[in-house]
PDB file of all heavy atoms in Angstrom:
ATOM      1  N   ARG A   1      20.591  26.822  33.922  1.00  0.00           N
ATOM      2  CA  ARG A   1      19.319  26.777  33.205  1.00  0.00           C
ATOM      3  C   ARG A   1      19.565  26.795  31.698  1.00  0.00           C
ATOM      4  O   ARG A   1      18.905  26.095  30.931  1.00  0.00           O
ATOM      5  CB  ARG A   1      18.438  27.962  33.599  1.00  0.00           C
ATOM      6  CG  ARG A   1      17.813  27.850  34.971  1.00  0.00           C
ATOM      7  CD  ARG A   1      17.088  29.130  35.341  1.00  0.00           C
ATOM      8  NE  ARG A   1      15.913  29.325  34.507  1.00  0.00           N
ATOM      9  CZ  ARG A   1      14.718  28.821  34.792  1.00  0.00           C
ATOM     10  NH1 ARG A   1      14.555  28.078  35.875  1.00  0.00           N
ATOM     11  NH2 ARG A   1      13.682  29.047  34.001  1.00  0.00           N
ATOM     12  N   ALA A   2      20.509  27.616  31.265  1.00  0.00           N
ATOM     13  CA  ALA A   2      20.848  27.685  29.842  1.00  0.00           C
ATOM     14  C   ALA A   2      21.369  26.339  29.347  1.00  0.00           C
ATOM     15  O   ALA A   2      21.058  25.916  28.225  1.00  0.00           O
ATOM     16  CB  ALA A   2      21.875  28.781  29.596  1.00  0.00           C
ATOM     17  N   LYS A   3      22.144  25.660  30.158  1.00  0.00           N
ATOM     18  CA  LYS A   3      22.642  24.338  29.779  1.00  0.00           C
ATOM     19  C   LYS A   3      21.485  23.346  29.629  1.00  0.00           C
ATOM     20  O   LYS A   3      21.460  22.546  28.683  1.00  0.00           O
ATOM     21  CB  LYS A   3      23.626  23.829  30.834  1.00  0.00           C
ATOM     22  CG  LYS A   3      25.010  24.450  30.777  1.00  0.00           C
ATOM     23  CD  LYS A   3      25.934  23.806  31.803  1.00  0.00           C
ATOM     24  CE  LYS A   3      27.357  24.314  31.663  1.00  0.00           C
ATOM     25  NZ  LYS A   3      28.266  23.671  32.652  1.00  0.00           N
ATOM     26  N   LEU A   4      20.541  23.403  30.569  1.00  0.00           N
ATOM     27  CA  LEU A   4      19.397  22.494  30.488  1.00  0.00           C
ATOM     28  C   LEU A   4      18.590  22.730  29.219  1.00  0.00           C
ATOM     29  O   LEU A   4      18.156  21.784  28.556  1.00  0.00           O
ATOM     30  CB  LEU A   4      18.494  22.665  31.706  1.00  0.00           C
ATOM     31  CG  LEU A   4      18.820  21.847  32.954  1.00  0.00           C
ATOM     32  CD1 LEU A   4      17.726  22.025  33.994  1.00  0.00           C
ATOM     33  CD2 LEU A   4      18.993  20.370  32.621  1.00  0.00           C
ATOM     34  N   LYS A   5      18.382  23.990  28.880  1.00  0.00           N
ATOM     35  CA  LYS A   5      17.623  24.301  27.662  1.00  0.00           C
ATOM     36  C   LYS A   5      18.390  23.853  26.424  1.00  0.00           C
ATOM     37  O   LYS A   5      17.783  23.362  25.462  1.00  0.00           O
ATOM     38  CB  LYS A   5      17.326  25.803  27.607  1.00  0.00           C
ATOM     39  CG  LYS A   5      16.264  26.252  28.605  1.00  0.00           C
ATOM     40  CD  LYS A   5      15.900  27.707  28.438  1.00  0.00           C
ATOM     41  CE  LYS A   5      16.989  28.627  28.956  1.00  0.00           C
ATOM     42  NZ  LYS A   5      16.575  30.053  28.894  1.00  0.00           N
ATOM     43  N   ARG A   6      19.686  24.024  26.438  1.00  0.00           N
ATOM     44  CA  ARG A   6      20.488  23.566  25.296  1.00  0.00           C
ATOM     45  C   ARG A   6      20.390  22.061  25.159  1.00  0.00           C
ATOM     46  O   ARG A   6      20.223  21.540  24.054  1.00  0.00           O
ATOM     47  CB  ARG A   6      21.953  23.991  25.487  1.00  0.00           C
ATOM     48  CG  ARG A   6      22.824  23.682  24.283  1.00  0.00           C
ATOM     49  CD  ARG A   6      24.237  24.171  24.500  1.00  0.00           C
ATOM     50  NE  ARG A   6      25.100  23.824  23.382  1.00  0.00           N
ATOM     51  CZ  ARG A   6      26.413  23.990  23.382  1.00  0.00           C
ATOM     52  NH1 ARG A   6      27.008  24.532  24.431  1.00  0.00           N
ATOM     53  NH2 ARG A   6      27.120  23.629  22.333  1.00  0.00           N
ATOM     54  N   TRP A   7      20.480  21.341  26.272  1.00  0.00           N
ATOM     55  CA  TRP A   7      20.321  19.881  26.233  1.00  0.00           C
ATOM     56  C   TRP A   7      18.943  19.509  25.690  1.00  0.00           C
ATOM     57  O   TRP A   7      18.820  18.592  24.868  1.00  0.00           O
ATOM     58  CB  TRP A   7      20.491  19.293  27.638  1.00  0.00           C
ATOM     59  CG  TRP A   7      19.949  17.896  27.733  1.00  0.00           C
ATOM     60  CD1 TRP A   7      20.573  16.739  27.359  1.00  0.00           C
ATOM     61  CD2 TRP A   7      18.637  17.523  28.182  1.00  0.00           C
ATOM     62  NE1 TRP A   7      19.729  15.670  27.545  1.00  0.00           N
ATOM     63  CE2 TRP A   7      18.547  16.119  28.050  1.00  0.00           C
ATOM     64  CE3 TRP A   7      17.545  18.234  28.687  1.00  0.00           C
ATOM     65  CZ2 TRP A   7      17.397  15.421  28.412  1.00  0.00           C
ATOM     66  CZ3 TRP A   7      16.399  17.545  29.037  1.00  0.00           C
ATOM     67  CH2 TRP A   7      16.339  16.140  28.902  1.00  0.00           C
ATOM     68  N   PHE A   8      17.904  20.227  26.140  1.00  0.00           N
ATOM     69  CA  PHE A   8      16.553  19.912  25.701  1.00  0.00           C
ATOM     70  C   PHE A   8      16.425  20.013  24.186  1.00  0.00           C
ATOM     71  O   PHE A   8      15.915  19.090  23.535  1.00  0.00           O
ATOM     72  CB  PHE A   8      15.547  20.861  26.374  1.00  0.00           C
ATOM     73  CG  PHE A   8      14.170  20.772  25.785  1.00  0.00           C
ATOM     74  CD1 PHE A   8      13.354  19.691  26.051  1.00  0.00           C
ATOM     75  CD2 PHE A   8      13.691  21.763  24.935  1.00  0.00           C
ATOM     76  CE1 PHE A   8      12.079  19.598  25.494  1.00  0.00           C
ATOM     77  CE2 PHE A   8      12.424  21.685  24.372  1.00  0.00           C
ATOM     78  CZ  PHE A   8      11.612  20.595  24.651  1.00  0.00           C
ATOM     79  N   TRP A   9      16.869  21.130  23.602  1.00  0.00           N
ATOM     80  CA  TRP A   9      16.720  21.309  22.157  1.00  0.00           C
ATOM     81  C   TRP A   9      17.599  20.345  21.369  1.00  0.00           C
ATOM     82  O   TRP A   9      17.162  19.800  20.347  1.00  0.00           O
ATOM     83  CB  TRP A   9      17.032  22.754  21.761  1.00  0.00           C
ATOM     84  CG  TRP A   9      16.009  23.727  22.237  1.00  0.00           C
ATOM     85  CD1 TRP A   9      16.171  24.738  23.137  1.00  0.00           C
ATOM     86  CD2 TRP A   9      14.620  23.768  21.856  1.00  0.00           C
ATOM     87  NE1 TRP A   9      14.985  25.404  23.342  1.00  0.00           N
ATOM     88  CE2 TRP A   9      14.021  24.841  22.568  1.00  0.00           C
ATOM     89  CE3 TRP A   9      13.846  23.021  20.989  1.00  0.00           C
ATOM     90  CZ2 TRP A   9      12.673  25.166  22.431  1.00  0.00           C
ATOM     91  CZ3 TRP A   9      12.496  23.343  20.849  1.00  0.00           C
ATOM     92  CH2 TRP A   9      11.926  24.397  21.560  1.00  0.00           C
ATOM     93  N   CYS A  10      18.810  20.109  21.835  1.00  0.00           N
ATOM     94  CA  CYS A  10      19.685  19.156  21.135  1.00  0.00           C
ATOM     95  C   CYS A  10      19.074  17.760  21.163  1.00  0.00           C
ATOM     96  O   CYS A  10      19.040  17.062  20.142  1.00  0.00           O
ATOM     97  CB  CYS A  10      21.080  19.135  21.778  1.00  0.00           C
ATOM     98  SG  CYS A  10      22.075  20.612  21.480  1.00  0.00           S
ATOM     99  N   SER A  11      18.583  17.344  22.321  1.00  0.00           N
ATOM    100  CA  SER A  11      17.978  16.012  22.438  1.00  0.00           C
ATOM    101  C   SER A  11      16.720  15.897  21.599  1.00  0.00           C
ATOM    102  O   SER A  11      16.474  14.873  20.951  1.00  0.00           O
ATOM    103  CB  SER A  11      17.645  15.712  23.912  1.00  0.00           C
ATOM    104  OG  SER A  11      18.817  15.662  24.689  1.00  0.00           O
ATOM    105  N   ALA A  12      15.909  16.978  21.594  1.00  0.00           N
ATOM    106  CA  ALA A  12      14.658  16.962  20.842  1.00  0.00           C
ATOM    107  C   ALA A  12      14.910  16.807  19.352  1.00  0.00           C
ATOM    108  O   ALA A  12      14.270  15.990  18.680  1.00  0.00           O
ATOM    109  CB  ALA A  12      13.870  18.237  21.124  1.00  0.00           C
ATOM    110  N   PHE A  13      15.848  17.599  18.814  1.00  0.00           N
ATOM    111  CA  PHE A  13      16.073  17.569  17.367  1.00  0.00           C
ATOM    112  C   PHE A  13      17.043  16.473  16.926  1.00  0.00           C
ATOM    113  O   PHE A  13      17.166  16.208  15.737  1.00  0.00           O
ATOM    114  CB  PHE A  13      16.536  18.944  16.885  1.00  0.00           C
ATOM    115  CG  PHE A  13      15.410  19.934  16.806  1.00  0.00           C
ATOM    116  CD1 PHE A  13      15.250  20.912  17.776  1.00  0.00           C
ATOM    117  CD2 PHE A  13      14.482  19.866  15.791  1.00  0.00           C
ATOM    118  CE1 PHE A  13      14.193  21.805  17.728  1.00  0.00           C
ATOM    119  CE2 PHE A  13      13.419  20.750  15.725  1.00  0.00           C
ATOM    120  CZ  PHE A  13      13.264  21.723  16.699  1.00  0.00           C
ATOM    121  N   ALA A  14      17.678  15.832  17.884  1.00  0.00           N
ATOM    122  CA  ALA A  14      18.492  14.664  17.557  1.00  0.00           C
ATOM    123  C   ALA A  14      17.649  13.391  17.636  1.00  0.00           C
ATOM    124  O   ALA A  14      18.108  12.317  17.262  1.00  0.00           O
ATOM    125  CB  ALA A  14      19.686  14.558  18.509  1.00  0.00           C
ATOM    126  N   GLY A  15      16.408  13.529  18.139  1.00  0.00           N
ATOM    127  CA  GLY A  15      15.552  12.356  18.291  1.00  0.00           C
ATOM    128  C   GLY A  15      16.088  11.378  19.306  1.00  0.00           C
ATOM    129  O   GLY A  15      15.890  10.164  19.195  1.00  0.00           O
ATOM    130  N   ALA A  16      16.761  11.903  20.328  1.00  0.00           N
ATOM    131  CA  ALA A  16      17.478  11.050  21.271  1.00  0.00           C
ATOM    132  C   ALA A  16      16.567  10.129  22.070  1.00  0.00           C
ATOM    133  O   ALA A  16      16.980   9.048  22.493  1.00  0.00           O
ATOM    134  CB  ALA A  16      18.298  11.923  22.228  1.00  0.00           C
ATOM    135  N   TYR A  17      15.319  10.539  22.285  1.00  0.00           N
ATOM    136  CA  TYR A  17      14.425   9.762  23.142  1.00  0.00           C
ATOM    137  C   TYR A  17      13.400   8.938  22.366  1.00  0.00           C
ATOM    138  O   TYR A  17      12.458   8.410  22.955  1.00  0.00           O
ATOM    139  CB  TYR A  17      13.714  10.702  24.122  1.00  0.00           C
ATOM    140  CG  TYR A  17      14.583  11.075  25.299  1.00  0.00           C
ATOM    141  CD1 TYR A  17      15.640  11.970  25.142  1.00  0.00           C
ATOM    142  CD2 TYR A  17      14.376  10.530  26.559  1.00  0.00           C
ATOM    143  CE1 TYR A  17      16.457  12.303  26.202  1.00  0.00           C
ATOM    144  CE2 TYR A  17      15.180  10.851  27.626  1.00  0.00           C
ATOM    145  CZ  TYR A  17      16.228  11.741  27.449  1.00  0.00           C
ATOM    146  OH  TYR A  17      17.060  12.064  28.511  1.00  0.00           O
ATOM    147  N   GLU A  18      13.597   8.803  21.079  1.00  0.00           N
ATOM    148  CA  GLU A  18      12.643   8.043  20.279  1.00  0.00           C
ATOM    149  C   GLU A  18      12.856   6.538  20.394  1.00  0.00           C
ATOM    150  O   GLU A  18      11.951   5.755  20.148  1.00  0.00           O
ATOM    151  CB  GLU A  18      12.720   8.483  18.818  1.00  0.00           C
ATOM    152  CG  GLU A  18      12.207   9.887  18.580  1.00  0.00           C
ATOM    153  CD  GLU A  18      12.018  10.196  17.112  1.00  0.00           C
ATOM    154  OE1 GLU A  18      10.933   9.902  16.578  1.00  0.00           O
ATOM    155  OE2 GLU A  18      12.959  10.721  16.504  1.00  0.00           O
ATOM    156  N   ASN A  19      14.063   6.125  20.758  1.00  0.00           N
ATOM    157  CA  ASN A  19      14.368   4.704  20.913  1.00  0.00           C
ATOM    158  C   ASN A  19      14.997   4.461  22.283  1.00  0.00           C
ATOM    159  O   ASN A  19      15.843   5.230  22.731  1.00  0.00           O
ATOM    160  CB  ASN A  19      15.341   4.233  19.820  1.00  0.00           C
ATOM    161  CG  ASN A  19      14.763   4.386  18.424  1.00  0.00           C
ATOM    162  OD1 ASN A  19      13.733   3.805  18.109  1.00  0.00           O
ATOM    163  ND2 ASN A  19      15.414   5.184  17.590  1.00  0.00           N
ATOM    164  N   ALA A  20      14.549   3.387  22.939  1.00  0.00           N
ATOM    165  CA  ALA A  20      15.046   3.012  24.267  1.00  0.00           C
ATOM    166  C   ALA A  20      15.104   4.208  25.212  1.00  0.00           C
ATOM    167  O   ALA A  20      16.143   4.518  25.790  1.00  0.00           O
ATOM    168  CB  ALA A  20      16.434   2.376  24.136  1.00  0.00           C
ATOM    169  N   PRO A  21      13.972   4.924  25.395  1.00  0.00           N
ATOM    170  CA  PRO A  21      13.982   6.139  26.189  1.00  0.00           C
ATOM    171  C   PRO A  21      14.403   5.949  27.638  1.00  0.00           C
ATOM    172  O   PRO A  21      15.028   6.834  28.227  1.00  0.00           O
ATOM    173  CB  PRO A  21      12.540   6.641  26.092  1.00  0.00           C
ATOM    174  CG  PRO A  21      11.731   5.428  25.754  1.00  0.00           C
ATOM    175  CD  PRO A  21      12.620   4.603  24.888  1.00  0.00           C
ATOM    176  N   ASN A  22      14.076   4.802  28.238  1.00  0.00           N
ATOM    177  CA  ASN A  22      14.461   4.581  29.628  1.00  0.00           C
ATOM    178  C   ASN A  22      15.970   4.478  29.781  1.00  0.00           C
ATOM    179  O   ASN A  22      16.546   5.008  30.737  1.00  0.00           O
ATOM    180  CB  ASN A  22      13.789   3.310  30.168  1.00  0.00           C
ATOM    181  CG  ASN A  22      12.287   3.465  30.300  1.00  0.00           C
ATOM    182  OD1 ASN A  22      11.783   4.564  30.519  1.00  0.00           O
ATOM    183  ND2 ASN A  22      11.558   2.367  30.166  1.00  0.00           N
ATOM    184  N   THR A  23      16.602   3.817  28.820  1.00  0.00           N
ATOM    185  CA  THR A  23      18.060   3.710  28.839  1.00  0.00           C
ATOM    186  C   THR A  23      18.696   5.080  28.630  1.00  0.00           C
ATOM    187  O   THR A  23      19.666   5.447  29.300  1.00  0.00           O
ATOM    188  CB  THR A  23      18.541   2.743  27.743  1.00  0.00           C
ATOM    189  OG1 THR A  23      17.985   1.452  27.975  1.00  0.00           O
ATOM    190  CG2 THR A  23      20.056   2.644  27.738  1.00  0.00           C
ATOM    191  N   VAL A  24      18.134   5.853  27.694  1.00  0.00           N
ATOM    192  CA  VAL A  24      18.660   7.196  27.433  1.00  0.00           C
ATOM    193  C   VAL A  24      18.522   8.070  28.674  1.00  0.00           C
ATOM    194  O   VAL A  24      19.424   8.833  29.023  1.00  0.00           O
ATOM    195  CB  VAL A  24      17.932   7.841  26.236  1.00  0.00           C
ATOM    196  CG1 VAL A  24      18.411   9.282  26.022  1.00  0.00           C
ATOM    197  CG2 VAL A  24      18.171   7.031  24.969  1.00  0.00           C
ATOM    198  N   THR A  25      17.377   7.976  29.357  1.00  0.00           N
ATOM    199  CA  THR A  25      17.171   8.742  30.583  1.00  0.00           C
ATOM    200  C   THR A  25      18.226   8.409  31.622  1.00  0.00           C
ATOM    201  O   THR A  25      18.832   9.300  32.239  1.00  0.00           O
ATOM    202  CB  THR A  25      15.769   8.453  31.174  1.00  0.00           C
ATOM    203  OG1 THR A  25      14.775   8.939  30.279  1.00  0.00           O
ATOM    204  CG2 THR A  25      15.600   9.127  32.525  1.00  0.00           C
ATOM    205  N   GLU A  26      18.467   7.135  31.815  1.00  0.00           N
ATOM    206  CA  GLU A  26      19.464   6.698  32.801  1.00  0.00           C
ATOM    207  C   GLU A  26      20.846   7.265  32.475  1.00  0.00           C
ATOM    208  O   GLU A  26      21.560   7.741  33.359  1.00  0.00           O
ATOM    209  CB  GLU A  26      19.505   5.170  32.834  1.00  0.00           C
ATOM    210  CG  GLU A  26      20.417   4.610  33.907  1.00  0.00           C
ATOM    211  CD  GLU A  26      20.375   3.092  33.965  1.00  0.00           C
ATOM    212  OE1 GLU A  26      19.587   2.488  33.202  1.00  0.00           O
ATOM    213  OE2 GLU A  26      21.127   2.508  34.759  1.00  0.00           O
ATOM    214  N   GLN A  27      21.214   7.241  31.209  1.00  0.00           N
ATOM    215  CA  GLN A  27      22.522   7.756  30.805  1.00  0.00           C
ATOM    216  C   GLN A  27      22.581   9.275  30.877  1.00  0.00           C
ATOM    217  O   GLN A  27      23.589   9.851  31.313  1.00  0.00           O
ATOM    218  CB  GLN A  27      22.828   7.284  29.375  1.00  0.00           C
ATOM    219  CG  GLN A  27      22.976   5.781  29.237  1.00  0.00           C
ATOM    220  CD  GLN A  27      23.060   5.321  27.796  1.00  0.00           C
ATOM    221  OE1 GLN A  27      22.745   6.075  26.855  1.00  0.00           O
ATOM    222  NE2 GLN A  27      23.472   4.085  27.581  1.00  0.00           N
ATOM    223  N   ASP A  28      21.486   9.932  30.470  1.00  0.00           N
ATOM    224  CA  ASP A  28      21.472  11.391  30.440  1.00  0.00           C
ATOM    225  C   ASP A  28      21.503  12.006  31.835  1.00  0.00           C
ATOM    226  O   ASP A  28      22.087  13.079  32.028  1.00  0.00           O
ATOM    227  CB  ASP A  28      20.238  11.893  29.687  1.00  0.00           C
ATOM    228  CG  ASP A  28      20.493  12.064  28.202  1.00  0.00           C
ATOM    229  OD1 ASP A  28      21.592  11.710  27.748  1.00  0.00           O
ATOM    230  OD2 ASP A  28      19.592  12.561  27.495  1.00  0.00           O
ATOM    231  N   VAL A  29      20.851  11.378  32.792  1.00  0.00           N
ATOM    232  CA  VAL A  29      20.866  11.914  34.155  1.00  0.00           C
ATOM    233  C   VAL A  29      22.298  12.008  34.672  1.00  0.00           C
ATOM    234  O   VAL A  29      22.710  13.030  35.235  1.00  0.00           O
ATOM    235  CB  VAL A  29      20.002  11.047  35.094  1.00  0.00           C
ATOM    236  CG1 VAL A  29      20.253  11.421  36.551  1.00  0.00           C
ATOM    237  CG2 VAL A  29      18.526  11.209  34.764  1.00  0.00           C
ATOM    238  N   VAL A  30      23.070  10.969  34.451  1.00  0.00           N
ATOM    239  CA  VAL A  30      24.475  10.968  34.888  1.00  0.00           C
ATOM    240  C   VAL A  30      25.270  12.022  34.131  1.00  0.00           C
ATOM    241  O   VAL A  30      26.021  12.814  34.730  1.00  0.00           O
ATOM    242  CB  VAL A  30      25.096   9.572  34.675  1.00  0.00           C
ATOM    243  CG1 VAL A  30      26.595   9.607  35.003  1.00  0.00           C
ATOM    244  CG2 VAL A  30      24.386   8.533  35.525  1.00  0.00           C
ATOM    245  N   ALA A  31      25.104  12.064  32.792  1.00  0.00           N
ATOM    246  CA  ALA A  31      25.875  12.987  31.962  1.00  0.00           C
ATOM    247  C   ALA A  31      25.499  14.442  32.254  1.00  0.00           C
ATOM    248  O   ALA A  31      26.361  15.329  32.296  1.00  0.00           O
ATOM    249  CB  ALA A  31      25.654  12.671  30.485  1.00  0.00           C
ATOM    250  N   LEU A  32      24.201  14.708  32.445  1.00  0.00           N
ATOM    251  CA  LEU A  32      23.748  16.075  32.706  1.00  0.00           C
ATOM    252  C   LEU A  32      24.214  16.569  34.065  1.00  0.00           C
ATOM    253  O   LEU A  32      24.629  17.727  34.209  1.00  0.00           O
ATOM    254  CB  LEU A  32      22.224  16.152  32.621  1.00  0.00           C
ATOM    255  CG  LEU A  32      21.635  16.508  31.258  1.00  0.00           C
ATOM    256  CD1 LEU A  32      20.112  16.426  31.314  1.00  0.00           C
ATOM    257  CD2 LEU A  32      22.059  17.891  30.820  1.00  0.00           C
TER     258      LEU A  32
END
């Protein structure tokens, strides 16, 4: 759970989902 929350905040403040969100989702699911 702590890892998921860390990913959430890092992704949020890195703006990771602002561009090509579907592609990012596909990549993040595998990486997470």
